[in-house]
Protein backbone atom coordinates (compact mmCIF):
# COMPACT_ATOMS: atom_id res chain seq x y z
CA MET A 1 19.24 12.27 16.64
CA GLU A 2 17.36 13.67 13.51
CA PRO A 3 15.96 16.79 14.74
CA VAL A 4 12.61 16.32 16.48
CA GLU A 5 10.80 18.95 13.98
CA ARG A 6 11.50 16.43 11.27
CA SER A 7 9.74 13.56 13.02
CA ILE A 8 6.42 12.63 14.39
CA CYS A 9 6.97 13.18 18.24
CA LEU A 10 4.19 11.47 20.40
CA LYS A 11 4.29 11.83 23.91
CA LYS A 12 1.89 10.38 26.68
CA PRO A 13 -0.98 9.86 26.59
CA PHE A 14 -0.49 7.57 23.39
CA LYS A 15 -3.51 6.69 21.43
CA ARG A 16 -4.07 3.21 21.35
CA ASP A 17 -4.78 2.84 17.75
CA LYS A 18 -1.62 4.59 16.11
CA THR A 19 0.71 1.90 14.42
CA TYR A 20 3.89 2.47 12.29
CA LEU A 21 6.01 0.55 9.57
CA LEU A 22 9.40 0.09 8.79
CA PHE A 23 10.21 -1.51 5.44
CA ASN A 24 12.90 -2.58 3.06
CA ASN A 25 13.46 -5.18 0.37
CA GLY A 26 10.35 -6.96 0.80
CA LEU A 27 10.58 -7.07 4.71
CA PHE A 28 8.44 -5.06 6.93
CA PHE A 29 7.95 -4.56 10.96
CA PHE A 30 4.50 -3.36 11.93
CA ARG A 31 3.97 -2.31 15.61
CA PHE A 32 1.51 -0.35 17.66
CA ALA A 33 3.23 3.35 18.66
CA ASN A 34 2.68 2.54 22.12
CA THR A 35 5.11 -0.42 21.84
CA SER A 36 2.30 -2.96 21.77
CA PHE A 37 2.34 -5.92 19.58
CA GLY A 38 -1.52 -5.99 19.68
CA SER A 39 -2.65 -7.79 16.52
CA LYS A 40 -1.66 -11.01 15.08
CA TRP A 41 -0.35 -8.74 12.06
CA CYS A 42 2.05 -6.83 14.19
CA GLY A 43 5.74 -8.16 14.37
CA LEU A 44 8.58 -8.84 11.54
CA TRP A 45 7.57 -10.19 8.21
CA ASP A 46 9.23 -11.48 5.13
CA ARG A 47 6.74 -10.73 2.49
CA ASP A 48 3.93 -12.95 3.11
CA THR A 49 5.89 -15.09 5.61
CA LYS A 50 5.87 -13.93 9.43
CA LEU A 51 9.06 -14.29 11.16
CA VAL A 52 8.70 -12.68 14.78
CA GLU A 53 5.82 -12.36 16.71
CA TYR A 54 7.07 -9.86 19.40
CA PHE A 55 10.08 -8.97 21.55
CA ALA A 56 10.10 -7.36 25.18
CA PHE A 57 13.23 -6.08 26.79
CA LYS A 58 13.88 -5.93 30.88
CA VAL A 59 16.46 -3.34 31.81
CA GLY A 60 17.45 -3.79 35.43
CA ASP A 61 14.16 -4.17 37.23
CA ASP A 62 12.14 -2.98 34.45
CA TRP A 63 10.27 -4.36 31.53
CA LEU A 64 9.92 -1.87 28.97
CA SER A 65 6.46 -1.13 27.94
CA HIS A 66 3.68 0.98 27.24
CA ASP A 67 3.44 2.07 31.13
CA ASN A 68 6.73 3.38 31.19
CA GLN A 69 7.15 4.65 27.65
CA THR A 70 7.53 8.47 27.78
CA ALA A 71 7.90 9.44 23.99
CA PHE A 72 7.97 7.93 20.41
CA ARG A 73 9.51 9.36 17.46
CA TYR A 74 9.02 8.29 13.80
CA ASN A 75 9.81 9.65 10.60
CA GLY A 76 9.14 6.64 8.24
CA ILE A 77 12.79 5.68 8.11
CA SER A 78 13.31 4.72 11.60
CA ALA A 79 11.51 4.58 14.81
CA GLN A 80 12.38 5.55 18.40
CA HIS A 81 10.49 4.53 21.75
CA VAL A 82 11.67 6.30 24.59
CA TYR A 83 11.49 4.98 28.37
CA HIS A 84 11.69 6.05 31.69
CA THR A 85 13.25 3.32 34.07
CA GLY A 86 15.12 2.98 37.43
CA LEU A 87 18.30 3.59 35.38
CA GLY A 88 17.04 6.51 33.96
CA GLU A 89 15.94 7.41 30.20
CA VAL A 90 16.47 4.23 27.83
CA THR A 91 15.85 4.47 24.15
CA GLU A 92 14.99 1.66 21.72
CA LYS A 93 15.91 2.59 18.26
CA LEU A 94 14.78 0.58 15.00
CA ALA A 95 15.54 0.64 11.34
CA MET A 96 15.04 -1.73 8.38
CA ASP A 97 18.15 -2.84 6.49
CA ASP A 98 17.77 -4.32 3.13
CA GLY A 99 18.67 -7.59 4.96
CA GLY A 100 16.63 -6.98 8.19
CA MET A 101 15.99 -5.08 11.16
CA VAL A 102 18.68 -3.51 13.19
CA LEU A 103 17.73 -2.53 16.76
CA ASN A 104 19.60 -0.83 19.24
CA LEU A 105 19.04 -0.36 23.08
CA LEU A 106 20.70 2.59 24.41
CA LEU A 107 20.83 2.73 28.27
CA PRO A 108 22.29 5.71 30.54
CA LYS A 109 25.03 3.51 31.85
CA ARG A 110 26.27 -0.20 31.69
CA ALA A 111 23.56 -2.47 33.30
CA ASP A 112 21.59 -5.83 32.69
CA VAL A 113 19.53 -6.27 30.11
CA SER A 114 17.42 -9.28 28.94
CA LEU A 115 15.56 -10.08 26.02
CA LYS A 116 12.43 -12.28 25.29
CA LEU A 117 12.05 -13.12 21.82
CA ALA A 118 8.71 -14.81 20.33
CA VAL A 119 9.04 -16.64 16.97
CA ASN A 120 6.62 -17.25 14.85
CA LEU A 121 7.36 -18.79 11.29
CA ARG A 122 3.91 -19.04 9.62
CA LYS A 123 2.31 -17.69 6.18
CA ARG A 124 -0.09 -15.04 6.11
CA ASP A 125 -3.36 -17.02 6.18
CA GLU A 126 -2.01 -19.47 8.98
CA ASN A 127 -2.74 -18.88 12.58
CA HIS A 128 -2.16 -21.82 15.11
CA HIS A 129 0.28 -24.48 14.01
CA ASP A 130 2.11 -27.22 14.97
CA ARG A 131 5.36 -26.96 12.96
CA PRO A 132 8.28 -27.95 15.35
CA TYR A 133 11.33 -25.57 15.37
CA GLU A 134 15.16 -26.46 15.14
CA VAL A 135 17.21 -23.87 17.17
CA THR A 136 21.08 -23.66 16.43
CA THR A 137 23.28 -21.57 18.36
CA ARG A 138 26.88 -20.27 18.34
CA ALA A 139 28.35 -17.21 20.02
CA GLY A 140 26.40 -14.01 18.85
CA ASP A 141 24.41 -15.85 16.71
CA LEU A 142 21.18 -17.93 16.63
CA GLN A 143 19.55 -19.83 13.69
CA ILE A 144 15.79 -20.73 14.27
CA LYS A 145 13.90 -22.71 11.54
CA ASN A 146 11.01 -25.03 10.72
CA ASP A 147 9.78 -26.51 7.36
CA LEU A 148 8.61 -23.00 6.09
CA ALA A 149 10.94 -20.50 6.96
CA HIS A 150 14.37 -19.63 8.59
CA LEU A 151 15.05 -16.84 10.76
CA HIS A 152 18.60 -15.33 11.67
CA VAL A 153 19.45 -13.43 14.89
CA ALA A 154 22.45 -11.71 15.79
CA TYR A 155 22.81 -10.23 19.22
CA SER A 156 25.00 -8.81 22.25
CA GLY A 157 26.09 -10.89 25.16
CA SER A 158 25.04 -14.28 25.84
CA PHE A 159 22.14 -16.70 25.01
CA SER A 160 20.64 -19.72 27.10
CA LYS A 161 18.68 -22.14 24.75
CA ASN A 162 15.48 -23.20 26.48
CA PRO A 163 12.69 -23.52 23.80
CA LEU A 164 8.91 -22.80 24.95
CA MET A 165 5.75 -23.07 23.09
CA GLU A 166 3.39 -20.50 23.82
CA CYS A 167 -0.61 -19.71 22.48
CA HIS A 168 -1.96 -16.36 22.86
CA PHE A 169 -4.42 -13.98 21.26
CA PRO A 170 -2.67 -10.53 20.45
CA GLY A 171 -5.97 -9.47 18.62
CA ARG A 172 -7.90 -8.69 21.46
CA TYR A 173 -6.09 -5.43 21.56
CA ALA A 174 -6.68 -4.38 18.15
CA ARG A 175 -10.31 -5.24 18.26
CA GLU A 176 -10.64 -3.02 21.45
CA ALA A 177 -8.70 -0.33 19.68
CA GLY A 178 -11.61 -0.19 17.01
CA TYR A 179 -10.03 -1.87 14.29
CA ASP A 180 -11.91 -4.43 11.95
CA TRP A 181 -9.31 -7.01 11.29
CA GLN A 182 -9.71 -10.71 11.47
CA GLU A 183 -7.76 -11.81 14.61
CA ASP A 184 -7.43 -15.41 15.73
CA GLU A 185 -5.00 -17.39 18.33
CA GLN A 186 -1.46 -17.28 17.65
CA THR A 187 1.28 -19.95 18.41
CA CYS A 188 5.10 -18.88 18.75
CA MET A 189 7.99 -20.14 20.17
CA VAL A 190 10.30 -18.63 22.84
CA PRO A 191 13.75 -20.18 22.08
CA GLY A 192 15.54 -19.12 25.50
CA THR A 193 16.73 -16.18 27.17
CA PHE A 194 19.12 -13.29 25.92
CA LYS A 195 21.39 -11.60 28.66
CA ALA A 196 23.92 -8.78 28.64
CA LYS A 197 25.72 -6.29 31.00
CA VAL A 198 26.06 -3.40 28.44
CA LYS A 199 25.55 0.26 27.74
CA THR A 200 24.20 -0.39 24.13
CA PHE A 201 22.25 -3.90 23.39
CA GLN A 202 22.45 -4.51 19.70
CA LEU A 203 20.04 -6.95 17.91
CA ARG A 204 19.55 -7.95 14.17
CA LEU A 205 16.78 -9.90 12.89
CA GLY A 206 16.02 -11.16 9.13
CA PRO A 207 15.47 -14.12 7.19
CA ALA A 208 18.60 -16.33 6.36
CA ARG A 209 17.60 -16.10 2.66
CA LEU A 210 19.13 -12.51 2.60
CA PRO A 211 22.75 -11.63 3.32
CA THR A 212 23.37 -10.41 6.73
CA SER A 213 24.60 -6.76 6.71
CA ASN A 214 27.06 -5.71 9.46
CA ARG A 215 26.01 -1.83 8.84
CA SER A 216 25.28 0.02 12.21
CA TRP A 217 21.77 1.68 12.90
CA SER A 218 23.52 5.06 11.73
CA GLU A 219 24.51 3.71 8.56
CA VAL A 220 21.20 2.11 7.85
CA VAL A 221 19.31 5.25 8.58
CA LYS A 222 21.49 7.67 6.65
CA ASP A 223 21.18 5.03 3.37
CA GLN A 224 17.34 5.09 3.69
CA ARG A 225 17.42 9.10 4.18
CA LYS A 226 19.07 9.58 0.71
CA LEU A 227 16.64 7.03 -1.03
CA VAL A 228 13.67 9.30 0.81
CA ARG A 229 15.26 12.63 -0.41
CA SER A 230 15.66 11.61 -3.95
CA TYR A 231 12.09 11.68 -4.56
CA ALA A 232 10.95 14.92 -2.93
CA THR A 233 11.99 17.73 -1.04
CA ASN A 234 10.88 20.19 1.65
CA LEU A 235 11.02 18.54 5.13
CA ASN A 236 10.02 21.46 7.35
CA ILE A 237 6.35 20.72 8.18
CA PRO A 238 4.51 17.53 8.52
CA PRO A 239 2.43 17.47 5.66
CA GLU A 240 5.00 17.54 3.31
CA LEU A 241 7.21 15.09 5.26
CA ALA A 242 4.05 12.82 5.14
CA TRP A 243 4.52 12.98 1.20
CA LYS A 244 8.00 12.59 1.36
CA VAL A 245 7.70 9.32 3.36
CA THR A 246 4.92 8.13 0.93
CA CYS A 247 7.48 8.42 -2.00
CA SER A 248 9.84 6.39 0.17
CA THR A 249 6.86 3.62 0.91
CA LEU A 250 6.26 3.27 -2.71
CA ALA A 251 10.04 2.45 -3.25
CA HIS A 252 10.42 0.38 -0.14
CA ALA A 253 7.26 -1.54 -1.17
CA VAL A 254 8.90 -3.31 -4.08
CA THR A 255 10.08 -6.88 -3.88
CA ASP A 256 11.48 -9.49 -6.33
CA GLN A 257 7.78 -10.32 -6.81
CA GLY A 258 6.37 -6.85 -7.21
CA PHE A 259 4.74 -4.10 -5.61
CA MET A 260 3.36 -5.00 -1.76
CA VAL A 261 0.29 -2.84 -2.26
CA GLY A 262 -1.10 -2.63 1.50
CA PHE A 263 0.05 -3.07 5.11
CA PRO A 264 -0.01 -5.16 7.10
CA TYR A 265 -1.96 -7.77 5.26
CA PHE A 266 -2.17 -7.20 1.69
CA ASN A 267 1.48 -7.99 1.39
CA GLU A 268 1.31 -9.35 -2.00
CA PHE A 269 1.61 -7.88 -5.75
CA TRP A 270 -1.98 -7.13 -6.86
CA THR A 271 -1.93 -6.32 -10.38
CA ARG A 272 -4.76 -4.24 -10.44
CA ASP A 273 -3.53 -1.91 -7.65
CA PHE A 274 -0.16 -1.47 -9.07
CA LEU A 275 -1.50 -0.83 -12.77
CA TRP A 276 -3.98 1.86 -11.56
CA MET A 277 -1.13 3.38 -10.06
CA VAL A 278 1.50 3.41 -13.05
CA PRO A 279 0.95 7.09 -14.17
CA SER A 280 1.56 8.31 -10.57
CA LEU A 281 4.64 6.26 -10.32
CA LEU A 282 5.89 7.62 -13.38
CA HIS A 283 5.31 11.05 -12.44
CA MET A 284 7.17 10.44 -9.33
CA GLY A 285 10.17 9.27 -11.46
CA MET A 286 9.90 5.52 -10.61
CA GLU A 287 10.03 4.19 -14.35
CA THR A 288 12.55 1.71 -13.31
CA TYR A 289 10.55 0.08 -10.91
CA VAL A 290 7.37 0.61 -13.08
CA LYS A 291 9.36 -1.30 -16.20
CA ALA A 292 10.35 -4.30 -13.91
CA GLU A 293 6.79 -4.67 -12.60
CA LEU A 294 5.40 -4.65 -16.07
CA GLU A 295 7.98 -7.24 -17.49
CA THR A 296 6.81 -9.24 -14.65
CA ILE A 297 3.25 -9.10 -15.42
CA SER A 298 4.12 -9.73 -19.06
CA ARG A 299 5.54 -12.99 -18.10
CA ALA A 300 2.96 -13.99 -16.05
CA VAL A 301 0.12 -13.42 -18.73
CA THR A 302 -1.28 -16.95 -19.56
CA LYS A 303 -1.45 -18.28 -22.93
CA THR A 304 -5.22 -17.96 -22.78
CA GLY A 305 -4.83 -14.27 -21.88
CA ASP A 306 -5.13 -13.82 -18.41
CA VAL A 307 -3.38 -11.48 -16.08
CA PRO A 308 -3.41 -12.82 -12.42
CA MET A 309 -5.02 -10.82 -9.51
CA ILE A 310 -2.13 -11.53 -7.52
CA ILE A 311 1.42 -12.64 -8.74
CA GLY A 312 1.91 -16.15 -8.17
CA ALA A 313 -1.39 -17.07 -7.66
CA LYS A 314 -4.13 -18.51 -9.93
CA PRO A 315 -7.27 -15.96 -9.61
CA THR A 316 -7.62 -13.58 -12.31
CA CYS A 317 -9.35 -10.05 -12.27
CA SER A 318 -11.46 -8.78 -15.14
CA ASP A 319 -10.07 -5.07 -14.87
CA SER A 320 -6.57 -6.20 -14.78
CA ASP A 321 -6.61 -7.46 -18.55
CA PRO A 322 -7.32 -3.91 -20.03
CA LEU A 323 -5.70 -2.14 -17.34
CA PHE A 324 -2.33 -3.77 -18.12
CA ILE A 325 -2.49 -2.76 -21.97
CA LEU A 326 -3.60 0.90 -20.80
CA ALA A 327 -0.54 0.87 -18.33
CA GLY A 328 2.14 -0.67 -20.63
CA ASP A 329 0.93 1.82 -23.34
CA THR A 330 1.44 4.83 -20.59
CA PHE A 331 4.83 3.63 -20.05
CA THR A 332 5.69 3.09 -23.68
CA ARG A 333 4.72 6.80 -24.43
CA PHE A 334 6.29 7.77 -21.58
CA THR A 335 9.93 6.39 -22.43
CA GLY A 336 9.70 5.58 -25.80
CA LYS A 337 10.02 2.00 -25.53
CA PRO A 338 7.75 -0.93 -24.51
CA PRO A 339 8.50 -3.37 -21.56
CA GLU A 340 10.01 -6.61 -22.61
CA GLY A 341 7.30 -8.93 -23.28
CA PHE A 342 4.67 -6.38 -23.64
CA ARG A 343 3.64 -6.75 -27.21
CA ASP A 344 3.13 -10.67 -27.07
CA ALA A 345 1.22 -10.28 -24.00
CA VAL A 346 -1.05 -7.61 -25.28
CA ALA A 347 -1.73 -9.94 -28.53
CA ARG A 348 -2.82 -12.64 -26.01
CA LEU A 349 -4.97 -10.28 -23.91
CA THR A 350 -6.79 -8.80 -26.80
CA GLY A 351 -7.43 -12.16 -28.42
CA LYS A 352 -9.23 -12.95 -25.02
CA GLY A 353 -11.03 -9.93 -25.09
CA LEU A 354 -12.47 -10.29 -28.58
CA SER A 355 -13.40 -13.78 -27.84
CA ASN A 356 -15.35 -12.32 -24.71
CA MET A 357 -17.59 -10.14 -26.94
CA ARG A 358 -21.21 -10.75 -26.28
CA GLY A 359 -23.89 -8.54 -28.24
CA GLY A 360 -21.17 -5.84 -28.63
CA LEU A 361 -20.09 -5.87 -24.90
CA VAL A 362 -17.06 -7.51 -22.96
CA ALA A 363 -18.27 -10.52 -20.71
CA HIS A 364 -16.51 -10.98 -17.63
CA ASP A 365 -16.55 -12.72 -14.33
CA PRO A 366 -19.22 -11.06 -12.48
CA MET A 367 -17.25 -11.09 -9.16
CA TYR A 368 -13.68 -10.32 -10.26
CA THR A 369 -13.75 -6.55 -10.45
CA TRP A 370 -12.24 -4.33 -8.08
CA MET A 371 -15.75 -4.42 -6.39
CA ASP A 372 -15.18 -7.88 -5.82
CA THR A 373 -17.72 -8.35 -2.88
CA VAL A 374 -20.43 -7.29 -5.25
CA PRO A 375 -21.50 -9.63 -8.28
CA ARG A 376 -21.94 -7.12 -11.52
CA GLU A 377 -22.24 -8.25 -14.85
CA PHE A 378 -20.77 -6.24 -17.84
CA ALA A 379 -19.80 -3.61 -15.36
CA ILE A 380 -19.18 -0.26 -16.70
CA GLU A 381 -15.53 0.33 -15.94
CA VAL A 382 -14.50 -2.94 -17.47
CA GLN A 383 -16.18 -1.93 -20.39
CA VAL A 384 -14.66 1.51 -20.67
CA LEU A 385 -11.13 -0.12 -19.79
CA TRP A 386 -11.45 -2.34 -22.87
CA SER A 387 -12.42 0.23 -25.48
CA ARG A 388 -9.61 2.24 -24.59
CA ALA A 389 -7.22 -1.04 -24.39
CA PHE A 390 -8.45 -2.22 -27.84
CA GLU A 391 -7.49 1.56 -29.02
CA MET A 392 -4.20 1.43 -27.65
CA ALA A 393 -3.50 -2.34 -28.79
CA SER A 394 -4.42 -1.14 -32.19
CA ASP A 395 -1.58 1.24 -32.59
CA LEU A 396 0.91 -1.20 -31.01
CA LEU A 397 -0.03 -4.52 -32.94
CA ASP A 398 -0.80 -2.51 -36.16
CA ASN A 399 -4.22 -4.06 -36.14
CA PRO A 400 -6.82 -1.29 -37.50
CA LYS A 401 -9.52 -3.86 -36.47
CA LEU A 402 -9.04 -3.28 -33.01
CA SER A 403 -9.51 0.39 -33.33
CA ASP A 404 -12.79 -0.38 -35.12
CA GLU A 405 -13.75 -2.80 -32.13
CA ALA A 406 -12.99 0.32 -29.62
CA ASP A 407 -15.53 2.32 -31.67
CA ARG A 408 -18.09 -0.10 -31.73
CA LEU A 409 -17.86 -0.98 -28.03
CA GLN A 410 -17.90 2.84 -26.91
CA VAL A 411 -21.03 3.07 -29.10
CA ARG A 412 -22.62 0.11 -27.13
CA ILE A 413 -21.69 2.07 -23.80
CA GLU A 414 -23.72 5.02 -24.98
CA ASP A 415 -26.71 2.97 -26.05
CA ASP A 416 -26.78 0.38 -23.13
CA TYR A 417 -25.38 2.61 -20.20
CA TRP A 418 -26.39 6.36 -20.35
CA ASN A 419 -30.12 6.48 -18.93
CA GLY A 420 -30.39 10.56 -19.58
CA ASP A 421 -28.73 11.50 -16.39
CA PHE A 422 -25.69 9.37 -15.83
CA TYR A 423 -24.02 5.99 -16.90
CA LEU A 424 -25.25 2.88 -15.21
CA ASP A 425 -22.64 0.80 -13.05
CA SER A 426 -23.50 -2.38 -14.73
CA LEU A 427 -26.30 -4.12 -16.75
CA LYS A 428 -26.91 -6.45 -13.64
CA GLY A 429 -25.78 -5.48 -10.09
CA ALA A 430 -26.73 -4.44 -6.79
CA TYR A 431 -26.30 -0.63 -7.71
CA ALA A 432 -27.23 2.01 -10.26
CA PHE A 433 -24.98 5.01 -9.72
CA THR A 434 -21.61 4.56 -8.27
CA CYS A 435 -18.19 5.87 -8.54
CA ASN A 436 -17.47 3.51 -11.64
CA SER A 437 -20.47 5.46 -13.32
CA LEU A 438 -17.67 8.33 -13.81
CA LEU A 439 -15.36 6.53 -15.80
CA PRO A 440 -16.91 7.23 -19.04
CA LEU A 441 -16.62 11.02 -18.23
CA LEU A 442 -12.90 10.80 -17.56
CA TYR A 443 -11.87 8.66 -20.67
CA TYR A 444 -14.14 10.19 -23.45
CA SER A 445 -14.68 13.43 -24.79
CA HIS A 446 -18.36 14.62 -23.85
CA SER A 447 -20.49 17.52 -24.04
CA SER A 448 -20.46 19.91 -21.18
CA SER A 449 -24.15 19.18 -20.23
CA LYS A 450 -23.43 15.58 -19.71
CA VAL A 451 -20.06 16.34 -17.93
CA ASN A 452 -22.03 18.87 -15.82
CA LYS A 453 -24.86 16.21 -14.86
CA GLY A 454 -22.17 13.87 -13.86
CA ILE A 455 -20.49 16.59 -11.69
CA LYS A 456 -23.90 17.55 -10.17
CA LEU A 457 -24.69 13.65 -9.21
CA LEU A 458 -21.12 13.34 -8.03
CA LYS A 459 -21.37 16.35 -5.53
CA SER A 460 -24.95 15.23 -4.19
CA GLU A 461 -24.52 11.78 -3.99
CA LEU A 462 -20.57 10.54 -3.82
CA LEU A 463 -18.82 13.47 -2.24
CA THR A 464 -17.82 14.01 1.19
CA ASP A 465 -15.97 16.84 3.19
CA PHE A 466 -12.63 14.69 2.68
CA GLY A 467 -13.30 12.04 -0.18
CA VAL A 468 -15.44 10.20 -2.44
CA LYS A 469 -17.68 7.46 -1.79
CA ALA A 470 -17.83 4.56 -4.00
CA VAL A 471 -21.54 3.98 -4.16
CA SER A 472 -24.45 6.99 -4.12
CA ARG A 473 -25.77 7.76 -0.54
CA LYS A 474 -29.21 6.82 -1.72
CA GLU A 475 -28.10 3.34 -2.58
CA SER A 476 -25.82 2.68 0.27
CA HIS A 477 -26.79 0.01 3.28
CA THR A 478 -26.60 0.77 6.97
CA PRO A 479 -24.20 0.14 8.18
CA GLU A 480 -22.28 0.54 4.72
CA THR A 481 -20.98 -2.55 3.36
CA TYR A 482 -17.19 -3.04 2.39
CA HIS A 483 -17.26 -1.41 -0.90
CA GLU A 484 -19.73 1.38 -0.15
CA LYS A 485 -17.21 3.67 1.73
CA VAL A 486 -14.61 6.17 0.78
CA TRP A 487 -11.64 4.83 -0.99
CA GLY A 488 -8.30 6.39 -2.45
CA LEU A 489 -9.32 5.06 -5.93
CA THR A 490 -12.91 6.64 -5.84
CA THR A 491 -11.55 9.73 -4.29
CA TYR A 492 -9.03 10.07 -7.39
CA TRP A 493 -11.69 9.39 -9.92
CA GLY A 494 -14.10 11.93 -8.26
CA LEU A 495 -11.66 14.83 -7.51
CA LYS A 496 -10.33 14.44 -10.86
CA LEU A 497 -13.64 15.05 -12.44
CA LEU A 498 -14.50 17.54 -10.06
CA ALA A 499 -11.14 19.46 -10.83
CA SER A 500 -12.08 19.98 -14.57
CA ALA A 501 -14.89 22.20 -13.46
CA GLU A 502 -14.40 23.25 -9.76
CA PRO A 503 -10.55 22.96 -9.22
CA GLY A 504 -11.08 25.18 -5.81
CA ASN A 505 -13.71 22.64 -4.53
CA ALA A 506 -11.62 19.72 -5.36
CA LYS A 507 -8.37 21.24 -3.76
CA LYS A 508 -10.60 21.84 -0.66
CA VAL A 509 -11.62 17.93 -0.45
CA LEU A 510 -8.22 16.90 -1.28
CA ASP A 511 -6.52 19.08 1.77
CA ALA A 512 -8.91 17.46 3.82
CA TYR A 513 -8.17 13.88 2.53
CA LEU A 514 -4.36 14.69 3.40
CA LYS A 515 -5.30 15.18 6.99
CA HIS A 516 -6.40 11.71 7.16
CA MET A 517 -2.85 10.55 6.39
CA ASP A 518 -1.74 9.51 9.78
CA SER A 519 -5.09 8.58 11.05
CA ARG A 520 -3.89 5.08 12.07
CA ASN A 521 -0.67 4.13 10.48
CA LEU A 522 1.70 7.24 10.82
CA TYR A 523 2.37 8.82 7.58
CA GLY A 524 0.13 6.20 6.20
CA MET A 525 -3.39 6.35 4.09
CA PRO A 526 -5.95 3.61 5.29
CA GLU A 527 -7.68 1.26 2.86
CA THR A 528 -11.21 2.70 3.25
CA PHE A 529 -13.09 5.07 5.57
CA THR A 530 -16.60 5.40 6.54
CA ALA A 531 -18.52 8.64 5.37
CA ASP A 532 -17.67 10.36 8.68
CA GLY A 533 -13.99 9.66 8.51
CA THR A 534 -13.59 6.55 10.48
CA PRO A 535 -10.79 4.47 9.17
CA LEU A 536 -11.12 0.52 8.23
CA GLY A 537 -9.40 -2.07 6.27
CA ALA A 538 -5.79 -2.15 6.16
CA SER A 539 -3.65 0.71 7.71
CA HIS A 540 -1.78 1.78 4.92
CA GLN A 541 -2.83 1.32 1.10
CA LEU A 542 -0.30 2.58 -1.56
CA TRP A 543 -3.34 3.37 -4.17
CA SER A 544 -4.71 5.57 -1.13
CA VAL A 545 -1.80 7.94 -1.58
CA ALA A 546 -0.32 7.00 -5.13
CA PHE A 547 -2.77 9.34 -6.94
CA ILE A 548 -1.98 12.55 -5.07
CA PRO A 549 0.41 13.86 -7.53
CA LEU A 550 -2.11 13.30 -10.62
CA LEU A 551 -4.80 15.32 -8.40
CA TRP A 552 -2.45 17.91 -7.96
CA ASP A 553 -2.07 18.27 -11.74
CA ALA A 554 -5.62 18.04 -12.24
CA ILE A 555 -6.43 20.52 -9.75
CA ASN A 556 -3.68 23.14 -11.04
CA GLY A 557 -4.57 22.57 -14.74
CA LEU A 558 -1.91 20.42 -15.46
CA ASP A 559 -3.57 17.36 -16.32
CA VAL A 560 -2.21 15.58 -19.18
CA GLY A 561 -4.77 12.94 -19.58
CA ASN A 562 -5.16 9.12 -18.43
CA THR A 563 -1.95 8.35 -20.02
CA ILE A 564 1.44 10.29 -19.82
CA THR A 565 2.38 11.44 -23.44
CA MET A 566 4.91 14.21 -22.62
CA PRO A 567 8.44 13.93 -21.36
CA PHE A 568 8.76 14.19 -17.64
CA VAL A 569 9.48 17.91 -16.55
CA GLN A 570 10.70 19.12 -13.14
CA LYS A 571 7.80 20.75 -11.39
CA ASP A 572 6.76 22.42 -8.00
CA TYR A 573 3.28 21.60 -6.83
CA ARG A 574 1.33 23.54 -4.27
CA VAL A 575 -1.73 22.67 -2.17
CA GLY A 576 -2.54 25.22 0.28
CA ARG A 577 0.77 25.74 2.44
CA TRP A 578 2.25 22.62 1.04
CA THR A 579 4.75 22.31 -1.62
CA LEU A 580 6.03 19.21 -3.51
CA LYS A 581 9.02 19.25 -5.72
CA MET A 582 9.28 16.57 -8.35
CA GLU A 583 12.22 15.43 -10.05
CA ARG A 584 13.02 12.36 -12.40
CA ARG A 585 15.53 9.97 -11.11
């Protein structure tokens, strides 16, 4: 077993809202640390397709549950639930291989074990469904499928086929534990009864589309540990381990369709989230991943110059268009070579951008910015990103007219958005001063007077003890609406600006932000927080953690701007007592 000091080790009483993730190759397993499958989002998933609703073991006369769980250990690579039974201590060990989940149940002696496995083959946006299941058995192997998906189960002992349908509502638990998730009744199928008389019960669960691996639990964990160690060092204290796990999360979140950007329900490739993360991913040495995903987006750009909001879906988003140009330019400057298909995609995008010019500004769909619950016309961040994108595209396409357009757009931003104290969030929207108002100060050179005004308003209206709100306190509703909360993205923008003048203050806030890392998902950062620190939304959002190395740069005076234009250099970063060693891979 890995030394306890290298893992989170929880003992009774367990907090009811703590969750954990195991993930690899587009597969992920989500569960509460106290053994509960207390949400419709719990279980085993293959990207956006659910496979397993829950499972439960009976050892001798005892069902394994939160009632007899005595400890839980987790290090981002594996999870271990420890139980006290009439037979003695029983340990349930889980890890995620690249073809499915591996589970070992370790008993103190040979004894009777039975397993109840509930299967729910459905899409993410479904709940109750009536799809019929087909169950095929042979010794030690079980195939379960419907018209949507195909689950493969390898197990110890024997199996008695007796399919039964169940309806249940696991989401009551999540709601009682304070989660704000959409929860609905679920349908699942129990194929029959698994029984064995063993000292070690072995179980493998995975989609039939992937090859089944026969590697042992120990071999899987060893392999995963190598990947984690390839991105960072220093496992000795929890905050450093948390950062190590974050690097692993980013690597494991890659699928053949792109990055899954959040867990448990943002299990798709959202282009906007990924494109904002590109400079940080390059800092972490993940250029191979970045190249593949930029090429995926290049292929997805439509003939009319639209970047899809989600790869594989039709909606587009207004900020992904210019962000893609900036991210590809960052990658090109970093590596010396553009991604395949990038130049042609940029030509289509800039053509669309120019065609959307209205009175010197870029018109866009008022709903499809990152603040997608708030109608905003001529949003400031869209204008700033397009002005920079035109400038970058001018060099790539050898088109000086784009540079002229970038200059004109910047002039219009100054004329139309600067009100003497700050840049307006949009020309027609619900708010005046938001974190978006800081973008011109981050992307352009300004007088110290203008920057100081921005920092003053940031501190008085957006800054909290641990992060940065999206919307001014003076304009926030009570209770705060979805986009008025503290976000990882807005914390990055705000602390990056604050670090330029008050690095000590920015460092203090970042320290406090990192302490929220396991506030719900162990070693994960939630999607949003209220100003008092209550986590909401997805349990683990990748862009909530991806910006940390760039903030460390800014705080330590190592900022290289919004695009990385220098070769990667191995560095050690310190925040308080925490150290991160970055190495290019």
